[in-house]
Amino acid sequence: MKDILDLEDERLEWSLKTFKNATPISSLYKLRSEINEVIELLEAKERGEPVKTTDLIMEYADCQMCLNDSIGRAGIKLQRVHEAFEVKLTINKARDWQMNPDKSYSHVKKPS
């Protein structure tokens, strides 16, 4: 299996040639549509409908590629995001969290 950073370099090179007019923002717009596809599959699964795990994995991969495309088109190397991931995880672990009405979570904002 290829290293994710090498694979991302290959994907970005292909994307820049193939989608010449795409921008960091347009890649995020595409990410929205890919997220909706994941949501549809997960909702179907929650309703008890048969959903192939491989289909779900492929849609998650599409989401990751769209996010990575935005990152790359913004001039940021994926390695830097991976480095920030560790820092942000430490920050998030130290925060207090509250559940939102949609069952997502947000950190509790501390008074200024």
PDB file of N, CA and C in Angstrom:
ATOM      1  N   MET A   1       0.836  -1.179   0.000  1.00  0.00           N
ATOM      2  CA  MET A   1       0.000   0.000   0.000  1.00  0.00           C
ATOM      3  C   MET A   1       0.885   1.249   0.000  1.00  0.00           C
ATOM      4  N   LYS A   2       0.526   2.214  -0.833  1.00  0.00           N
ATOM      5  CA  LYS A   2       1.296   3.446  -0.929  1.00  0.00           C
ATOM      6  C   LYS A   2       1.123   4.298   0.327  1.00  0.00           C
ATOM      7  N   ASP A   3       2.159   5.048   0.656  1.00  0.00           N
ATOM      8  CA  ASP A   3       2.109   6.020   1.746  1.00  0.00           C
ATOM      9  C   ASP A   3       1.072   7.090   1.394  1.00  0.00           C
ATOM     10  N   ILE A   4       0.247   7.501   2.352  1.00  0.00           N
ATOM     11  CA  ILE A   4      -0.827   8.463   2.109  1.00  0.00           C
ATOM     12  C   ILE A   4      -0.304   9.791   1.573  1.00  0.00           C
ATOM     13  N   LEU A   5       0.854  10.235   2.038  1.00  0.00           N
ATOM     14  CA  LEU A   5       1.392  11.510   1.561  1.00  0.00           C
ATOM     15  C   LEU A   5       1.856  11.404   0.110  1.00  0.00           C
ATOM     16  N   ASP A   6       2.472  10.279  -0.253  1.00  0.00           N
ATOM     17  CA  ASP A   6       2.862  10.065  -1.652  1.00  0.00           C
ATOM     18  C   ASP A   6       1.631   9.943  -2.543  1.00  0.00           C
ATOM     19  N   LEU A   7       0.632   9.215  -2.052  1.00  0.00           N
ATOM     20  CA  LEU A   7      -0.605   9.045  -2.806  1.00  0.00           C
ATOM     21  C   LEU A   7      -1.301  10.388  -3.010  1.00  0.00           C
ATOM     22  N   GLU A   8      -1.273  11.232  -1.995  1.00  0.00           N
ATOM     23  CA  GLU A   8      -1.890  12.551  -2.122  1.00  0.00           C
ATOM     24  C   GLU A   8      -1.139  13.416  -3.127  1.00  0.00           C
ATOM     25  N   ASP A   9       0.184  13.339  -3.147  1.00  0.00           N
ATOM     26  CA  ASP A   9       0.945  14.083  -4.165  1.00  0.00           C
ATOM     27  C   ASP A   9       0.518  13.653  -5.558  1.00  0.00           C
ATOM     28  N   GLU A  10       0.357  12.343  -5.757  1.00  0.00           N
ATOM     29  CA  GLU A  10      -0.078  11.799  -7.045  1.00  0.00           C
ATOM     30  C   GLU A  10      -1.495  12.266  -7.386  1.00  0.00           C
ATOM     31  N   ARG A  11      -2.388  12.238  -6.390  1.00  0.00           N
ATOM     32  CA  ARG A  11      -3.770  12.659  -6.613  1.00  0.00           C
ATOM     33  C   ARG A  11      -3.854  14.133  -6.964  1.00  0.00           C
ATOM     34  N   LEU A  12      -3.093  14.978  -6.239  1.00  0.00           N
ATOM     35  CA  LEU A  12      -3.131  16.409  -6.505  1.00  0.00           C
ATOM     36  C   LEU A  12      -2.580  16.727  -7.887  1.00  0.00           C
ATOM     37  N   GLU A  13      -1.499  16.087  -8.267  1.00  0.00           N
ATOM     38  CA  GLU A  13      -0.930  16.308  -9.605  1.00  0.00           C
ATOM     39  C   GLU A  13      -1.965  15.978 -10.680  1.00  0.00           C
ATOM     40  N   TRP A  14      -2.639  14.841 -10.528  1.00  0.00           N
ATOM     41  CA  TRP A  14      -3.679  14.442 -11.481  1.00  0.00           C
ATOM     42  C   TRP A  14      -4.829  15.449 -11.466  1.00  0.00           C
ATOM     43  N   SER A  15      -5.256  15.866 -10.269  1.00  0.00           N
ATOM     44  CA  SER A  15      -6.377  16.783 -10.136  1.00  0.00           C
ATOM     45  C   SER A  15      -6.095  18.142 -10.776  1.00  0.00           C
ATOM     46  N   LEU A  16      -4.895  18.657 -10.571  1.00  0.00           N
ATOM     47  CA  LEU A  16      -4.543  19.964 -11.149  1.00  0.00           C
ATOM     48  C   LEU A  16      -4.569  19.921 -12.675  1.00  0.00           C
ATOM     49  N   LYS A  17      -4.196  18.790 -13.253  1.00  0.00           N
ATOM     50  CA  LYS A  17      -4.236  18.628 -14.716  1.00  0.00           C
ATOM     51  C   LYS A  17      -5.657  18.407 -15.217  1.00  0.00           C
ATOM     52  N   THR A  18      -6.436  17.659 -14.464  1.00  0.00           N
ATOM     53  CA  THR A  18      -7.764  17.245 -14.906  1.00  0.00           C
ATOM     54  C   THR A  18      -8.824  18.311 -14.655  1.00  0.00           C
ATOM     55  N   PHE A  19      -8.754  18.980 -13.522  1.00  0.00           N
ATOM     56  CA  PHE A  19      -9.751  19.975 -13.128  1.00  0.00           C
ATOM     57  C   PHE A  19      -9.075  21.343 -13.052  1.00  0.00           C
ATOM     58  N   LYS A  20      -8.698  21.849 -14.211  1.00  0.00           N
ATOM     59  CA  LYS A  20      -7.858  23.051 -14.295  1.00  0.00           C
ATOM     60  C   LYS A  20      -8.470  24.289 -13.644  1.00  0.00           C
ATOM     61  N   ASN A  21      -9.788  24.406 -13.681  1.00  0.00           N
ATOM     62  CA  ASN A  21     -10.427  25.617 -13.164  1.00  0.00           C
ATOM     63  C   ASN A  21     -10.942  25.471 -11.741  1.00  0.00           C
ATOM     64  N   ALA A  22     -10.705  24.339 -11.116  1.00  0.00           N
ATOM     65  CA  ALA A  22     -11.159  24.146  -9.736  1.00  0.00           C
ATOM     66  C   ALA A  22     -10.372  25.064  -8.804  1.00  0.00           C
ATOM     67  N   THR A  23     -10.987  25.375  -7.685  1.00  0.00           N
ATOM     68  CA  THR A  23     -10.380  26.244  -6.675  1.00  0.00           C
ATOM     69  C   THR A  23     -10.510  25.557  -5.310  1.00  0.00           C
ATOM     70  N   PRO A  24      -9.824  26.081  -4.303  1.00  0.00           N
ATOM     71  CA  PRO A  24     -10.027  25.503  -2.966  1.00  0.00           C
ATOM     72  C   PRO A  24     -11.496  25.525  -2.540  1.00  0.00           C
ATOM     73  N   ILE A  25     -12.194  26.585  -2.913  1.00  0.00           N
ATOM     74  CA  ILE A  25     -13.606  26.702  -2.544  1.00  0.00           C
ATOM     75  C   ILE A  25     -14.469  25.750  -3.357  1.00  0.00           C
ATOM     76  N   SER A  26     -14.225  25.640  -4.662  1.00  0.00           N
ATOM     77  CA  SER A  26     -15.050  24.732  -5.469  1.00  0.00           C
ATOM     78  C   SER A  26     -14.861  23.284  -5.033  1.00  0.00           C
ATOM     79  N   SER A  27     -13.688  22.960  -4.560  1.00  0.00           N
ATOM     80  CA  SER A  27     -13.455  21.603  -4.045  1.00  0.00           C
ATOM     81  C   SER A  27     -14.262  21.355  -2.778  1.00  0.00           C
ATOM     82  N   LEU A  28     -14.452  22.402  -1.974  1.00  0.00           N
ATOM     83  CA  LEU A  28     -15.294  22.272  -0.782  1.00  0.00           C
ATOM     84  C   LEU A  28     -16.767  22.160  -1.160  1.00  0.00           C
ATOM     85  N   TYR A  29     -17.187  22.865  -2.220  1.00  0.00           N
ATOM     86  CA  TYR A  29     -18.565  22.705  -2.707  1.00  0.00           C
ATOM     87  C   TYR A  29     -18.798  21.256  -3.131  1.00  0.00           C
ATOM     88  N   LYS A  30     -17.827  20.680  -3.824  1.00  0.00           N
ATOM     89  CA  LYS A  30     -17.933  19.276  -4.231  1.00  0.00           C
ATOM     90  C   LYS A  30     -17.949  18.376  -3.000  1.00  0.00           C
ATOM     91  N   LEU A  31     -17.166  18.722  -1.990  1.00  0.00           N
ATOM     92  CA  LEU A  31     -17.155  17.954  -0.746  1.00  0.00           C
ATOM     93  C   LEU A  31     -18.553  17.894  -0.139  1.00  0.00           C
ATOM     94  N   ARG A  32     -19.274  19.009  -0.175  1.00  0.00           N
ATOM     95  CA  ARG A  32     -20.652  19.026   0.338  1.00  0.00           C
ATOM     96  C   ARG A  32     -21.492  17.940  -0.322  1.00  0.00           C
ATOM     97  N   SER A  33     -21.415  17.845  -1.649  1.00  0.00           N
ATOM     98  CA  SER A  33     -22.235  16.855  -2.354  1.00  0.00           C
ATOM     99  C   SER A  33     -21.793  15.431  -2.001  1.00  0.00           C
ATOM    100  N   GLU A  34     -20.497  15.228  -1.803  1.00  0.00           N
ATOM    101  CA  GLU A  34     -20.005  13.904  -1.419  1.00  0.00           C
ATOM    102  C   GLU A  34     -20.442  13.556   0.004  1.00  0.00           C
ATOM    103  N   ILE A  35     -20.429  14.539   0.891  1.00  0.00           N
ATOM    104  CA  ILE A  35     -20.916  14.312   2.254  1.00  0.00           C
ATOM    105  C   ILE A  35     -22.385  13.916   2.231  1.00  0.00           C
ATOM    106  N   ASN A  36     -23.165  14.564   1.381  1.00  0.00           N
ATOM    107  CA  ASN A  36     -24.583  14.213   1.272  1.00  0.00           C
ATOM    108  C   ASN A  36     -24.762  12.763   0.827  1.00  0.00           C
ATOM    109  N   GLU A  37     -23.881  12.275  -0.031  1.00  0.00           N
ATOM    110  CA  GLU A  37     -23.955  10.875  -0.452  1.00  0.00           C
ATOM    111  C   GLU A  37     -23.668   9.943   0.722  1.00  0.00           C
ATOM    112  N   VAL A  38     -22.699  10.302   1.555  1.00  0.00           N
ATOM    113  CA  VAL A  38     -22.406   9.497   2.745  1.00  0.00           C
ATOM    114  C   VAL A  38     -23.615   9.521   3.680  1.00  0.00           C
ATOM    115  N   ILE A  39     -24.179  10.690   3.886  1.00  0.00           N
ATOM    116  CA  ILE A  39     -25.344  10.819   4.764  1.00  0.00           C
ATOM    117  C   ILE A  39     -26.493   9.942   4.266  1.00  0.00           C
ATOM    118  N   GLU A  40     -26.742   9.969   2.969  1.00  0.00           N
ATOM    119  CA  GLU A  40     -27.819   9.144   2.405  1.00  0.00           C
ATOM    120  C   GLU A  40     -27.588   7.664   2.688  1.00  0.00           C
ATOM    121  N   LEU A  41     -26.356   7.203   2.520  1.00  0.00           N
ATOM    122  CA  LEU A  41     -26.054   5.797   2.792  1.00  0.00           C
ATOM    123  C   LEU A  41     -26.217   5.466   4.276  1.00  0.00           C
ATOM    124  N   LEU A  42     -25.745   6.351   5.142  1.00  0.00           N
ATOM    125  CA  LEU A  42     -25.860   6.110   6.581  1.00  0.00           C
ATOM    126  C   LEU A  42     -27.319   6.143   7.038  1.00  0.00           C
ATOM    127  N   GLU A  43     -28.096   7.053   6.478  1.00  0.00           N
ATOM    128  CA  GLU A  43     -29.518   7.103   6.825  1.00  0.00           C
ATOM    129  C   GLU A  43     -30.232   5.839   6.354  1.00  0.00           C
ATOM    130  N   ALA A  44     -29.878   5.359   5.167  1.00  0.00           N
ATOM    131  CA  ALA A  44     -30.462   4.111   4.675  1.00  0.00           C
ATOM    132  C   ALA A  44     -30.110   2.957   5.607  1.00  0.00           C
ATOM    133  N   LYS A  45     -28.866   2.933   6.044  1.00  0.00           N
ATOM    134  CA  LYS A  45     -28.415   1.892   6.976  1.00  0.00           C
ATOM    135  C   LYS A  45     -29.197   1.963   8.294  1.00  0.00           C
ATOM    136  N   GLU A  46     -29.417   3.184   8.802  1.00  0.00           N
ATOM    137  CA  GLU A  46     -30.186   3.369  10.035  1.00  0.00           C
ATOM    138  C   GLU A  46     -31.628   2.893   9.877  1.00  0.00           C
ATOM    139  N   ARG A  47     -32.182   3.004   8.661  1.00  0.00           N
ATOM    140  CA  ARG A  47     -33.543   2.536   8.396  1.00  0.00           C
ATOM    141  C   ARG A  47     -33.593   1.023   8.208  1.00  0.00           C
ATOM    142  N   GLY A  48     -32.422   0.391   8.272  1.00  0.00           N
ATOM    143  CA  GLY A  48     -32.372  -1.054   8.122  1.00  0.00           C
ATOM    144  C   GLY A  48     -32.248  -1.534   6.694  1.00  0.00           C
ATOM    145  N   GLU A  49     -32.020  -0.594   5.767  1.00  0.00           N
ATOM    146  CA  GLU A  49     -31.845  -0.970   4.367  1.00  0.00           C
ATOM    147  C   GLU A  49     -30.437  -1.518   4.166  1.00  0.00           C
ATOM    148  N   PRO A  50     -30.275  -2.424   3.223  1.00  0.00           N
ATOM    149  CA  PRO A  50     -28.935  -2.973   2.992  1.00  0.00           C
ATOM    150  C   PRO A  50     -28.014  -1.923   2.358  1.00  0.00           C
ATOM    151  N   VAL A  51     -26.868  -1.741   2.956  1.00  0.00           N
ATOM    152  CA  VAL A  51     -25.857  -0.814   2.443  1.00  0.00           C
ATOM    153  C   VAL A  51     -24.537  -1.562   2.423  1.00  0.00           C
ATOM    154  N   LYS A  52     -23.901  -1.571   1.274  1.00  0.00           N
ATOM    155  CA  LYS A  52     -22.610  -2.234   1.163  1.00  0.00           C
ATOM    156  C   LYS A  52     -21.542  -1.372   1.842  1.00  0.00           C
ATOM    157  N   THR A  53     -20.776  -1.985   2.718  1.00  0.00           N
ATOM    158  CA  THR A  53     -19.701  -1.274   3.404  1.00  0.00           C
ATOM    159  C   THR A  53     -18.712  -0.709   2.391  1.00  0.00           C
ATOM    160  N   THR A  54     -18.461  -1.437   1.322  1.00  0.00           N
ATOM    161  CA  THR A  54     -17.520  -0.936   0.298  1.00  0.00           C
ATOM    162  C   THR A  54     -18.039   0.333  -0.359  1.00  0.00           C
ATOM    163  N   ASP A  55     -19.357   0.449  -0.557  1.00  0.00           N
ATOM    164  CA  ASP A  55     -19.925   1.677  -1.126  1.00  0.00           C
ATOM    165  C   ASP A  55     -19.715   2.848  -0.172  1.00  0.00           C
ATOM    166  N   LEU A  56     -19.933   2.602   1.102  1.00  0.00           N
ATOM    167  CA  LEU A  56     -19.746   3.643   2.109  1.00  0.00           C
ATOM    168  C   LEU A  56     -18.282   4.075   2.183  1.00  0.00           C
ATOM    169  N   ILE A  57     -17.381   3.109   2.152  1.00  0.00           N
ATOM    170  CA  ILE A  57     -15.942   3.414   2.188  1.00  0.00           C
ATOM    171  C   ILE A  57     -15.539   4.253   0.984  1.00  0.00           C
ATOM    172  N   MET A  58     -16.055   3.905  -0.196  1.00  0.00           N
ATOM    173  CA  MET A  58     -15.701   4.661  -1.406  1.00  0.00           C
ATOM    174  C   MET A  58     -16.203   6.108  -1.323  1.00  0.00           C
ATOM    175  N   GLU A  59     -17.382   6.304  -0.750  1.00  0.00           N
ATOM    176  CA  GLU A  59     -17.900   7.668  -0.604  1.00  0.00           C
ATOM    177  C   GLU A  59     -17.086   8.458   0.418  1.00  0.00           C
ATOM    178  N   TYR A  60     -16.677   7.794   1.500  1.00  0.00           N
ATOM    179  CA  TYR A  60     -15.781   8.471   2.454  1.00  0.00           C
ATOM    180  C   TYR A  60     -14.469   8.844   1.771  1.00  0.00           C
ATOM    181  N   ALA A  61     -13.959   7.968   0.907  1.00  0.00           N
ATOM    182  CA  ALA A  61     -12.715   8.269   0.175  1.00  0.00           C
ATOM    183  C   ALA A  61     -12.914   9.484  -0.726  1.00  0.00           C
ATOM    184  N   ASP A  62     -14.087   9.576  -1.387  1.00  0.00           N
ATOM    185  CA  ASP A  62     -14.381  10.761  -2.203  1.00  0.00           C
ATOM    186  C   ASP A  62     -14.343  12.021  -1.349  1.00  0.00           C
ATOM    187  N   CYS A  63     -14.919  11.942  -0.141  1.00  0.00           N
ATOM    188  CA  CYS A  63     -14.904  13.102   0.766  1.00  0.00           C
ATOM    189  C   CYS A  63     -13.474  13.498   1.103  1.00  0.00           C
ATOM    190  N   GLN A  64     -12.665  12.511   1.432  1.00  0.00           N
ATOM    191  CA  GLN A  64     -11.278  12.794   1.795  1.00  0.00           C
ATOM    192  C   GLN A  64     -10.532  13.422   0.622  1.00  0.00           C
ATOM    193  N   MET A  65     -10.784  12.914  -0.582  1.00  0.00           N
ATOM    194  CA  MET A  65     -10.095  13.479  -1.750  1.00  0.00           C
ATOM    195  C   MET A  65     -10.518  14.924  -2.002  1.00  0.00           C
ATOM    196  N   CYS A  66     -11.806  15.223  -1.834  1.00  0.00           N
ATOM    197  CA  CYS A  66     -12.266  16.601  -2.035  1.00  0.00           C
ATOM    198  C   CYS A  66     -11.651  17.545  -1.002  1.00  0.00           C
ATOM    199  N   LEU A  67     -11.606  17.115   0.251  1.00  0.00           N
ATOM    200  CA  LEU A  67     -10.977  17.943   1.284  1.00  0.00           C
ATOM    201  C   LEU A  67      -9.495  18.136   0.987  1.00  0.00           C
ATOM    202  N   ASN A  68      -8.817  17.052   0.633  1.00  0.00           N
ATOM    203  CA  ASN A  68      -7.394  17.149   0.290  1.00  0.00           C
ATOM    204  C   ASN A  68      -7.178  18.042  -0.919  1.00  0.00           C
ATOM    205  N   ASP A  69      -8.116  18.016  -1.865  1.00  0.00           N
ATOM    206  CA  ASP A  69      -7.990  18.865  -3.044  1.00  0.00           C
ATOM    207  C   ASP A  69      -8.039  20.333  -2.655  1.00  0.00           C
ATOM    208  N   SER A  70      -8.952  20.670  -1.767  1.00  0.00           N
ATOM    209  CA  SER A  70      -9.032  22.051  -1.297  1.00  0.00           C
ATOM    210  C   SER A  70      -7.752  22.455  -0.588  1.00  0.00           C
ATOM    211  N   ILE A  71      -7.244  21.564   0.255  1.00  0.00           N
ATOM    212  CA  ILE A  71      -5.999  21.827   0.976  1.00  0.00           C
ATOM    213  C   ILE A  71      -4.855  22.088  -0.005  1.00  0.00           C
ATOM    214  N   GLY A  72      -4.697  21.201  -0.977  1.00  0.00           N
ATOM    215  CA  GLY A  72      -3.613  21.328  -1.958  1.00  0.00           C
ATOM    216  C   GLY A  72      -3.743  22.570  -2.810  1.00  0.00           C
ATOM    217  N   ARG A  73      -4.971  22.867  -3.249  1.00  0.00           N
ATOM    218  CA  ARG A  73      -5.192  24.054  -4.088  1.00  0.00           C
ATOM    219  C   ARG A  73      -5.013  25.347  -3.294  1.00  0.00           C
ATOM    220  N   ALA A  74      -5.082  25.253  -1.965  1.00  0.00           N
ATOM    221  CA  ALA A  74      -4.816  26.410  -1.104  1.00  0.00           C
ATOM    222  C   ALA A  74      -3.311  26.586  -0.872  1.00  0.00           C
ATOM    223  N   GLY A  75      -2.520  25.681  -1.463  1.00  0.00           N
ATOM    224  CA  GLY A  75      -1.066  25.790  -1.342  1.00  0.00           C
ATOM    225  C   GLY A  75      -0.510  25.181  -0.067  1.00  0.00           C
ATOM    226  N   ILE A  76      -1.290  24.308   0.555  1.00  0.00           N
ATOM    227  CA  ILE A  76      -0.863  23.693   1.811  1.00  0.00           C
ATOM    228  C   ILE A  76      -0.565  22.219   1.551  1.00  0.00           C
ATOM    229  N   LYS A  77       0.556  21.754   2.059  1.00  0.00           N
ATOM    230  CA  LYS A  77       0.910  20.342   1.935  1.00  0.00           C
ATOM    231  C   LYS A  77       0.142  19.546   2.992  1.00  0.00           C
ATOM    232  N   LEU A  78      -0.304  18.365   2.612  1.00  0.00           N
ATOM    233  CA  LEU A  78      -1.048  17.517   3.524  1.00  0.00           C
ATOM    234  C   LEU A  78      -0.249  17.212   4.790  1.00  0.00           C
ATOM    235  N   GLN A  79       1.057  17.122   4.666  1.00  0.00           N
ATOM    236  CA  GLN A  79       1.930  16.871   5.824  1.00  0.00           C
ATOM    237  C   GLN A  79       1.694  17.919   6.909  1.00  0.00           C
ATOM    238  N   ARG A  80       1.503  19.174   6.519  1.00  0.00           N
ATOM    239  CA  ARG A  80       1.281  20.243   7.501  1.00  0.00           C
ATOM    240  C   ARG A  80      -0.047  20.058   8.228  1.00  0.00           C
ATOM    241  N   VAL A  81      -1.050  19.584   7.502  1.00  0.00           N
ATOM    242  CA  VAL A  81      -2.351  19.341   8.128  1.00  0.00           C
ATOM    243  C   VAL A  81      -2.240  18.177   9.116  1.00  0.00           C
ATOM    244  N   HIS A  82      -1.487  17.150   8.739  1.00  0.00           N
ATOM    245  CA  HIS A  82      -1.278  16.020   9.648  1.00  0.00           C
ATOM    246  C   HIS A  82      -0.552  16.471  10.919  1.00  0.00           C
ATOM    247  N   GLU A  83       0.396  17.380  10.772  1.00  0.00           N
ATOM    248  CA  GLU A  83       1.099  17.911  11.944  1.00  0.00           C
ATOM    249  C   GLU A  83       0.136  18.708  12.818  1.00  0.00           C
ATOM    250  N   ALA A  84      -0.729  19.501  12.192  1.00  0.00           N
ATOM    251  CA  ALA A  84      -1.712  20.296  12.936  1.00  0.00           C
ATOM    252  C   ALA A  84      -2.751  19.402  13.608  1.00  0.00           C
ATOM    253  N   PHE A  85      -3.012  18.245  12.998  1.00  0.00           N
ATOM    254  CA  PHE A  85      -3.973  17.287  13.547  1.00  0.00           C
ATOM    255  C   PHE A  85      -3.589  16.904  14.970  1.00  0.00           C
ATOM    256  N   GLU A  86      -2.326  16.616  15.179  1.00  0.00           N
ATOM    257  CA  GLU A  86      -1.849  16.219  16.506  1.00  0.00           C
ATOM    258  C   GLU A  86      -2.018  17.353  17.512  1.00  0.00           C
ATOM    259  N   VAL A  87      -1.676  18.559  17.089  1.00  0.00           N
ATOM    260  CA  VAL A  87      -1.808  19.724  17.970  1.00  0.00           C
ATOM    261  C   VAL A  87      -3.282  19.951  18.303  1.00  0.00           C
ATOM    262  N   LYS A  88      -4.135  19.897  17.291  1.00  0.00           N
ATOM    263  CA  LYS A  88      -5.562  20.149  17.495  1.00  0.00           C
ATOM    264  C   LYS A  88      -6.196  19.070  18.361  1.00  0.00           C
ATOM    265  N   LEU A  89      -5.755  17.835  18.228  1.00  0.00           N
ATOM    266  CA  LEU A  89      -6.272  16.764  19.073  1.00  0.00           C
ATOM    267  C   LEU A  89      -5.978  17.051  20.544  1.00  0.00           C
ATOM    268  N   THR A  90      -4.784  17.513  20.835  1.00  0.00           N
ATOM    269  CA  THR A  90      -4.413  17.856  22.215  1.00  0.00           C
ATOM    270  C   THR A  90      -5.304  18.976  22.738  1.00  0.00           C
ATOM    271  N   ILE A  91      -5.534  19.983  21.909  1.00  0.00           N
ATOM    272  CA  ILE A  91      -6.412  21.103  22.291  1.00  0.00           C
ATOM    273  C   ILE A  91      -7.824  20.587  22.565  1.00  0.00           C
ATOM    274  N   ASN A  92      -8.344  19.754  21.640  1.00  0.00           N
ATOM    275  CA  ASN A  92      -9.717  19.271  21.785  1.00  0.00           C
ATOM    276  C   ASN A  92      -9.898  18.373  23.005  1.00  0.00           C
ATOM    277  N   LYS A  93      -8.877  17.603  23.322  1.00  0.00           N
ATOM    278  CA  LYS A  93      -8.966  16.722  24.493  1.00  0.00           C
ATOM    279  C   LYS A  93      -9.064  17.533  25.789  1.00  0.00           C
ATOM    280  N   ALA A  94      -8.523  18.734  25.792  1.00  0.00           N
ATOM    281  CA  ALA A  94      -8.530  19.576  26.992  1.00  0.00           C
ATOM    282  C   ALA A  94      -9.811  20.402  27.116  1.00  0.00           C
ATOM    283  N   ARG A  95     -10.661  20.379  26.109  1.00  0.00           N
ATOM    284  CA  ARG A  95     -11.887  21.181  26.118  1.00  0.00           C
ATOM    285  C   ARG A  95     -13.041  20.421  26.767  1.00  0.00           C
ATOM    286  N   ASP A  96     -14.047  21.187  27.193  1.00  0.00           N
ATOM    287  CA  ASP A  96     -15.320  20.614  27.615  1.00  0.00           C
ATOM    288  C   ASP A  96     -16.243  20.631  26.405  1.00  0.00           C
ATOM    289  N   TRP A  97     -17.102  19.607  26.304  1.00  0.00           N
ATOM    290  CA  TRP A  97     -17.952  19.436  25.129  1.00  0.00           C
ATOM    291  C   TRP A  97     -19.415  19.335  25.540  1.00  0.00           C
ATOM    292  N   GLN A  98     -20.279  19.827  24.648  1.00  0.00           N
ATOM    293  CA  GLN A  98     -21.720  19.721  24.872  1.00  0.00           C
ATOM    294  C   GLN A  98     -22.390  19.197  23.602  1.00  0.00           C
ATOM    295  N   MET A  99     -23.452  18.402  23.811  1.00  0.00           N
ATOM    296  CA  MET A  99     -24.173  17.867  22.668  1.00  0.00           C
ATOM    297  C   MET A  99     -25.150  18.905  22.134  1.00  0.00           C
ATOM    298  N   ASN A 100     -25.204  19.019  20.810  1.00  0.00           N
ATOM    299  CA  ASN A 100     -26.139  19.901  20.123  1.00  0.00           C
ATOM    300  C   ASN A 100     -27.434  19.136  19.849  1.00  0.00           C
ATOM    301  N   PRO A 101     -28.516  19.848  19.497  1.00  0.00           N
ATOM    302  CA  PRO A 101     -29.786  19.173  19.215  1.00  0.00           C
ATOM    303  C   PRO A 101     -29.697  18.090  18.122  1.00  0.00           C
ATOM    304  N   ASP A 102     -28.778  18.251  17.167  1.00  0.00           N
ATOM    305  CA  ASP A 102     -28.649  17.261  16.088  1.00  0.00           C
ATOM    306  C   ASP A 102     -27.717  16.102  16.449  1.00  0.00           C
ATOM    307  N   LYS A 103     -27.332  16.033  17.714  1.00  0.00           N
ATOM    308  CA  LYS A 103     -26.434  15.019  18.268  1.00  0.00           C
ATOM    309  C   LYS A 103     -24.963  15.197  17.869  1.00  0.00           C
ATOM    310  N   SER A 104     -24.640  16.309  17.209  1.00  0.00           N
ATOM    311  CA  SER A 104     -23.235  16.654  17.023  1.00  0.00           C
ATOM    312  C   SER A 104     -22.769  17.300  18.330  1.00  0.00           C
ATOM    313  N   TYR A 105     -21.485  17.589  18.425  1.00  0.00           N
ATOM    314  CA  TYR A 105     -20.948  18.188  19.643  1.00  0.00           C
ATOM    315  C   TYR A 105     -20.166  19.449  19.315  1.00  0.00           C
ATOM    316  N   SER A 106     -20.195  20.389  20.233  1.00  0.00           N
ATOM    317  CA  SER A 106     -19.412  21.619  20.129  1.00  0.00           C
ATOM    318  C   SER A 106     -18.692  21.830  21.445  1.00  0.00           C
ATOM    319  N   HIS A 107     -17.508  22.425  21.350  1.00  0.00           N
ATOM    320  CA  HIS A 107     -16.820  22.703  22.608  1.00  0.00           C
ATOM    321  C   HIS A 107     -17.480  23.885  23.293  1.00  0.00           C
ATOM    322  N   VAL A 108     -17.423  23.855  24.605  1.00  0.00           N
ATOM    323  CA  VAL A 108     -18.024  24.908  25.402  1.00  0.00           C
ATOM    324  C   VAL A 108     -17.118  26.131  25.322  1.00  0.00           C
ATOM    325  N   LYS A 109     -17.696  27.226  24.906  1.00  0.00           N
ATOM    326  CA  LYS A 109     -16.931  28.481  24.787  1.00  0.00           C
ATOM    327  C   LYS A 109     -16.738  29.066  26.175  1.00  0.00           C
ATOM    328  N   LYS A 110     -15.498  29.370  26.462  1.00  0.00           N
ATOM    329  CA  LYS A 110     -15.185  29.981  27.764  1.00  0.00           C
ATOM    330  C   LYS A 110     -15.405  31.487  27.664  1.00  0.00           C
ATOM    331  N   PRO A 111     -15.974  32.094  28.708  1.00  0.00           N
ATOM    332  CA  PRO A 111     -16.209  33.534  28.684  1.00  0.00           C
ATOM    333  C   PRO A 111     -14.901  34.298  28.518  1.00  0.00           C
ATOM    334  N   SER A 112     -14.972  35.362  27.750  1.00  0.00           N
ATOM    335  CA  SER A 112     -13.758  36.180  27.518  1.00  0.00           C
ATOM    336  C   SER A 112     -13.497  37.108  28.654  1.00  0.00           C
TER     337      SER A 112
END
